[in-house]
Amino acid sequence: MTKSLQCIVSGKVQGVYFRSWAHGQAEALGLTGWVRNLKDNQVEILAQGPDDKLEEMKKRLIQGSELSRIDHIDAKYIDYDKKHTSFEIRG
């Protein structure tokens, strides 16, 4: 199991390039994992990496991208069954 940060982000986060922005933030921090849209207009992020970089990612997600509006973030650490080697955008 790999310690991972899972975030569900609510607000205006679909159709505003939020996944692409989150991907760039994760890569800049050297994190691995993925970001994807959920059916209920939310975005889910799973990030893996050093604790300090995961905390920084969480701070950046709270701020959001220029075009997004963040209403709520449910962020928690979980044990994930796969260790990722890159950060990808999923459908």
N, C-alpha and C. Protein backbone atom coordinates (compact mmCIF):
# COMPACT_ATOMS: atom_id res chain seq x y z
N MET A 1 0.83 -1.20 0.00
CA MET A 1 0.00 0.00 0.00
C MET A 1 0.88 1.26 0.00
N THR A 2 0.43 2.26 -0.71
CA THR A 2 1.17 3.51 -0.83
C THR A 2 0.34 4.64 -0.24
N LYS A 3 0.94 5.39 0.69
CA LYS A 3 0.24 6.54 1.26
C LYS A 3 -0.02 7.55 0.16
N SER A 4 -1.28 7.96 0.05
CA SER A 4 -1.70 8.85 -1.04
C SER A 4 -2.66 9.90 -0.50
N LEU A 5 -2.67 11.05 -1.14
CA LEU A 5 -3.63 12.11 -0.82
C LEU A 5 -4.76 12.03 -1.84
N GLN A 6 -5.98 11.83 -1.34
CA GLN A 6 -7.16 11.81 -2.20
C GLN A 6 -7.97 13.06 -1.93
N CYS A 7 -8.28 13.80 -2.98
CA CYS A 7 -9.05 15.03 -2.85
C CYS A 7 -10.24 14.99 -3.81
N ILE A 8 -11.41 15.33 -3.28
CA ILE A 8 -12.60 15.54 -4.10
C ILE A 8 -12.88 17.04 -4.05
N VAL A 9 -12.82 17.68 -5.21
CA VAL A 9 -12.94 19.14 -5.29
C VAL A 9 -14.29 19.49 -5.90
N SER A 10 -15.04 20.35 -5.20
CA SER A 10 -16.36 20.79 -5.66
C SER A 10 -16.32 22.28 -5.98
N GLY A 11 -17.19 22.68 -6.88
CA GLY A 11 -17.30 24.07 -7.29
C GLY A 11 -17.32 24.15 -8.80
N LYS A 12 -16.79 25.21 -9.34
CA LYS A 12 -16.69 25.36 -10.79
C LYS A 12 -15.33 24.80 -11.20
N VAL A 13 -15.29 23.47 -11.40
CA VAL A 13 -14.02 22.80 -11.66
C VAL A 13 -14.05 21.95 -12.94
N GLN A 14 -15.16 21.93 -13.63
CA GLN A 14 -15.22 21.23 -14.91
C GLN A 14 -15.48 22.25 -16.01
N GLY A 15 -14.81 22.06 -17.13
CA GLY A 15 -14.97 22.98 -18.26
C GLY A 15 -14.15 24.25 -18.12
N VAL A 16 -13.22 24.29 -17.16
CA VAL A 16 -12.38 25.48 -16.94
C VAL A 16 -10.90 25.10 -16.90
N TYR A 17 -10.56 23.96 -17.52
CA TYR A 17 -9.17 23.48 -17.59
C TYR A 17 -8.56 23.18 -16.22
N PHE A 18 -9.42 22.84 -15.23
CA PHE A 18 -8.92 22.58 -13.88
C PHE A 18 -8.05 21.32 -13.85
N ARG A 19 -8.44 20.28 -14.58
CA ARG A 19 -7.62 19.06 -14.58
C ARG A 19 -6.23 19.33 -15.14
N SER A 20 -6.16 20.09 -16.21
CA SER A 20 -4.86 20.43 -16.79
C SER A 20 -4.02 21.25 -15.82
N TRP A 21 -4.65 22.20 -15.15
CA TRP A 21 -3.95 23.01 -14.15
C TRP A 21 -3.45 22.14 -13.00
N ALA A 22 -4.30 21.24 -12.50
CA ALA A 22 -3.90 20.36 -11.40
C ALA A 22 -2.74 19.46 -11.82
N HIS A 23 -2.79 18.98 -13.07
CA HIS A 23 -1.71 18.16 -13.62
C HIS A 23 -0.39 18.94 -13.58
N GLY A 24 -0.42 20.18 -14.02
CA GLY A 24 0.78 21.02 -14.01
C GLY A 24 1.31 21.26 -12.61
N GLN A 25 0.40 21.50 -11.66
CA GLN A 25 0.81 21.71 -10.26
C GLN A 25 1.48 20.46 -9.71
N ALA A 26 0.88 19.30 -9.96
CA ALA A 26 1.43 18.04 -9.47
C ALA A 26 2.80 17.78 -10.06
N GLU A 27 2.94 18.00 -11.36
CA GLU A 27 4.24 17.77 -12.00
C GLU A 27 5.30 18.73 -11.46
N ALA A 28 4.92 19.98 -11.23
CA ALA A 28 5.86 20.96 -10.69
C ALA A 28 6.35 20.55 -9.30
N LEU A 29 5.50 19.87 -8.55
CA LEU A 29 5.85 19.42 -7.20
C LEU A 29 6.51 18.04 -7.20
N GLY A 30 6.59 17.41 -8.37
CA GLY A 30 7.19 16.09 -8.46
C GLY A 30 6.31 14.97 -7.95
N LEU A 31 5.00 15.18 -7.98
CA LEU A 31 4.05 14.17 -7.49
C LEU A 31 3.64 13.22 -8.61
N THR A 32 3.18 12.06 -8.23
CA THR A 32 2.63 11.09 -9.17
C THR A 32 1.17 10.85 -8.79
N GLY A 33 0.42 10.21 -9.71
CA GLY A 33 -0.99 9.91 -9.46
C GLY A 33 -1.84 10.29 -10.66
N TRP A 34 -3.03 10.83 -10.39
CA TRP A 34 -3.94 11.17 -11.48
C TRP A 34 -4.99 12.18 -11.02
N VAL A 35 -5.67 12.76 -12.03
CA VAL A 35 -6.80 13.66 -11.82
C VAL A 35 -7.88 13.25 -12.81
N ARG A 36 -9.14 13.28 -12.38
CA ARG A 36 -10.24 12.91 -13.28
C ARG A 36 -11.52 13.66 -12.89
N ASN A 37 -12.39 13.84 -13.89
CA ASN A 37 -13.71 14.38 -13.65
C ASN A 37 -14.60 13.29 -13.07
N LEU A 38 -15.50 13.67 -12.19
CA LEU A 38 -16.53 12.78 -11.69
C LEU A 38 -17.86 13.18 -12.32
N LYS A 39 -18.83 12.30 -12.29
CA LYS A 39 -20.12 12.54 -12.95
C LYS A 39 -20.91 13.68 -12.31
N ASP A 40 -20.64 14.01 -11.05
CA ASP A 40 -21.43 15.03 -10.35
C ASP A 40 -20.76 16.41 -10.36
N ASN A 41 -20.04 16.71 -11.45
CA ASN A 41 -19.36 18.00 -11.62
C ASN A 41 -18.27 18.26 -10.59
N GLN A 42 -17.71 17.22 -10.03
CA GLN A 42 -16.58 17.34 -9.13
C GLN A 42 -15.35 16.79 -9.83
N VAL A 43 -14.18 17.05 -9.25
CA VAL A 43 -12.92 16.52 -9.75
C VAL A 43 -12.26 15.76 -8.62
N GLU A 44 -11.72 14.59 -8.95
CA GLU A 44 -11.00 13.78 -7.97
C GLU A 44 -9.52 13.77 -8.32
N ILE A 45 -8.69 13.94 -7.30
CA ILE A 45 -7.24 13.90 -7.46
C ILE A 45 -6.68 12.85 -6.52
N LEU A 46 -5.79 12.03 -7.02
CA LEU A 46 -5.04 11.11 -6.17
C LEU A 46 -3.57 11.43 -6.40
N ALA A 47 -2.88 11.85 -5.35
CA ALA A 47 -1.48 12.26 -5.48
C ALA A 47 -0.60 11.46 -4.53
N GLN A 48 0.59 11.13 -5.01
CA GLN A 48 1.56 10.38 -4.22
C GLN A 48 2.89 11.12 -4.25
N GLY A 49 3.58 11.11 -3.10
CA GLY A 49 4.87 11.78 -3.02
C GLY A 49 5.20 12.11 -1.58
N PRO A 50 6.24 12.90 -1.36
CA PRO A 50 6.63 13.29 0.00
C PRO A 50 5.53 14.09 0.69
N ASP A 51 5.42 13.93 2.01
CA ASP A 51 4.37 14.59 2.78
C ASP A 51 4.34 16.10 2.57
N ASP A 52 5.51 16.75 2.55
CA ASP A 52 5.52 18.21 2.41
C ASP A 52 5.00 18.64 1.04
N LYS A 53 5.28 17.85 0.01
CA LYS A 53 4.79 18.18 -1.34
C LYS A 53 3.28 17.92 -1.45
N LEU A 54 2.80 16.88 -0.77
CA LEU A 54 1.36 16.62 -0.76
C LEU A 54 0.61 17.73 -0.05
N GLU A 55 1.16 18.22 1.05
CA GLU A 55 0.52 19.34 1.76
C GLU A 55 0.50 20.60 0.89
N GLU A 56 1.58 20.83 0.15
CA GLU A 56 1.62 21.98 -0.75
C GLU A 56 0.58 21.83 -1.87
N MET A 57 0.43 20.63 -2.38
CA MET A 57 -0.59 20.38 -3.42
C MET A 57 -1.97 20.70 -2.86
N LYS A 58 -2.25 20.27 -1.64
CA LYS A 58 -3.55 20.55 -1.03
C LYS A 58 -3.78 22.06 -0.93
N LYS A 59 -2.77 22.81 -0.53
CA LYS A 59 -2.89 24.27 -0.44
C LYS A 59 -3.20 24.88 -1.81
N ARG A 60 -2.50 24.38 -2.82
CA ARG A 60 -2.72 24.91 -4.17
C ARG A 60 -4.12 24.58 -4.67
N LEU A 61 -4.62 23.40 -4.36
CA LEU A 61 -5.97 23.02 -4.77
C LEU A 61 -7.01 23.92 -4.11
N ILE A 62 -6.80 24.29 -2.86
CA ILE A 62 -7.73 25.17 -2.16
C ILE A 62 -7.81 26.52 -2.87
N GLN A 63 -6.66 27.01 -3.36
CA GLN A 63 -6.63 28.28 -4.10
C GLN A 63 -7.30 28.13 -5.46
N GLY A 64 -7.06 27.01 -6.12
CA GLY A 64 -7.66 26.75 -7.43
C GLY A 64 -6.96 27.49 -8.55
N SER A 65 -7.39 27.18 -9.75
CA SER A 65 -6.84 27.84 -10.93
C SER A 65 -7.55 29.17 -11.16
N GLU A 66 -7.04 29.91 -12.11
CA GLU A 66 -7.58 31.25 -12.38
C GLU A 66 -9.06 31.22 -12.78
N LEU A 67 -9.46 30.22 -13.57
CA LEU A 67 -10.83 30.17 -14.07
C LEU A 67 -11.79 29.38 -13.17
N SER A 68 -11.24 28.67 -12.19
CA SER A 68 -12.09 27.82 -11.35
C SER A 68 -12.62 28.59 -10.14
N ARG A 69 -13.60 27.97 -9.48
CA ARG A 69 -14.10 28.46 -8.19
C ARG A 69 -14.21 27.24 -7.28
N ILE A 70 -13.47 27.24 -6.20
CA ILE A 70 -13.46 26.11 -5.30
C ILE A 70 -14.46 26.38 -4.17
N ASP A 71 -15.47 25.52 -4.09
CA ASP A 71 -16.46 25.63 -3.01
C ASP A 71 -16.10 24.74 -1.82
N HIS A 72 -15.55 23.57 -2.10
CA HIS A 72 -15.25 22.62 -1.02
C HIS A 72 -14.21 21.61 -1.49
N ILE A 73 -13.33 21.22 -0.57
CA ILE A 73 -12.39 20.13 -0.83
C ILE A 73 -12.49 19.13 0.30
N ASP A 74 -12.71 17.89 -0.05
CA ASP A 74 -12.65 16.78 0.91
C ASP A 74 -11.30 16.10 0.67
N ALA A 75 -10.33 16.35 1.54
CA ALA A 75 -8.98 15.81 1.37
C ALA A 75 -8.66 14.88 2.52
N LYS A 76 -8.14 13.70 2.16
CA LYS A 76 -7.76 12.74 3.20
C LYS A 76 -6.63 11.87 2.68
N TYR A 77 -5.86 11.36 3.63
CA TYR A 77 -4.79 10.42 3.29
C TYR A 77 -5.36 9.01 3.32
N ILE A 78 -5.01 8.24 2.30
CA ILE A 78 -5.49 6.87 2.19
C ILE A 78 -4.31 5.97 1.84
N ASP A 79 -4.47 4.68 2.06
CA ASP A 79 -3.52 3.69 1.56
C ASP A 79 -4.04 3.20 0.23
N TYR A 80 -3.28 3.43 -0.83
CA TYR A 80 -3.70 3.08 -2.18
C TYR A 80 -2.92 1.86 -2.64
N ASP A 81 -3.56 0.98 -3.37
CA ASP A 81 -2.95 -0.30 -3.72
C ASP A 81 -1.95 -0.25 -4.87
N LYS A 82 -1.75 0.91 -5.47
CA LYS A 82 -0.82 1.02 -6.60
C LYS A 82 0.09 2.22 -6.39
N LYS A 83 1.36 2.05 -6.72
CA LYS A 83 2.30 3.17 -6.70
C LYS A 83 2.46 3.67 -8.13
N HIS A 84 2.15 4.93 -8.34
CA HIS A 84 2.22 5.51 -9.68
C HIS A 84 3.62 6.03 -9.98
N THR A 85 3.96 6.07 -11.26
CA THR A 85 5.28 6.53 -11.69
C THR A 85 5.21 7.88 -12.42
N SER A 86 3.99 8.35 -12.71
CA SER A 86 3.81 9.65 -13.36
C SER A 86 2.46 10.21 -12.90
N PHE A 87 2.16 11.42 -13.33
CA PHE A 87 0.86 12.04 -13.02
C PHE A 87 0.09 12.17 -14.32
N GLU A 88 -1.12 11.63 -14.36
CA GLU A 88 -1.88 11.62 -15.61
C GLU A 88 -3.26 12.24 -15.44
N ILE A 89 -3.79 12.70 -16.56
CA ILE A 89 -5.16 13.19 -16.62
C ILE A 89 -6.02 12.05 -17.15
N ARG A 90 -7.01 11.70 -16.38
CA ARG A 90 -7.95 10.64 -16.79
C ARG A 90 -9.26 11.27 -17.22
N GLY A 91 -10.08 10.50 -17.93
CA GLY A 91 -11.35 10.98 -18.44
C GLY A 91 -12.34 11.38 -17.39
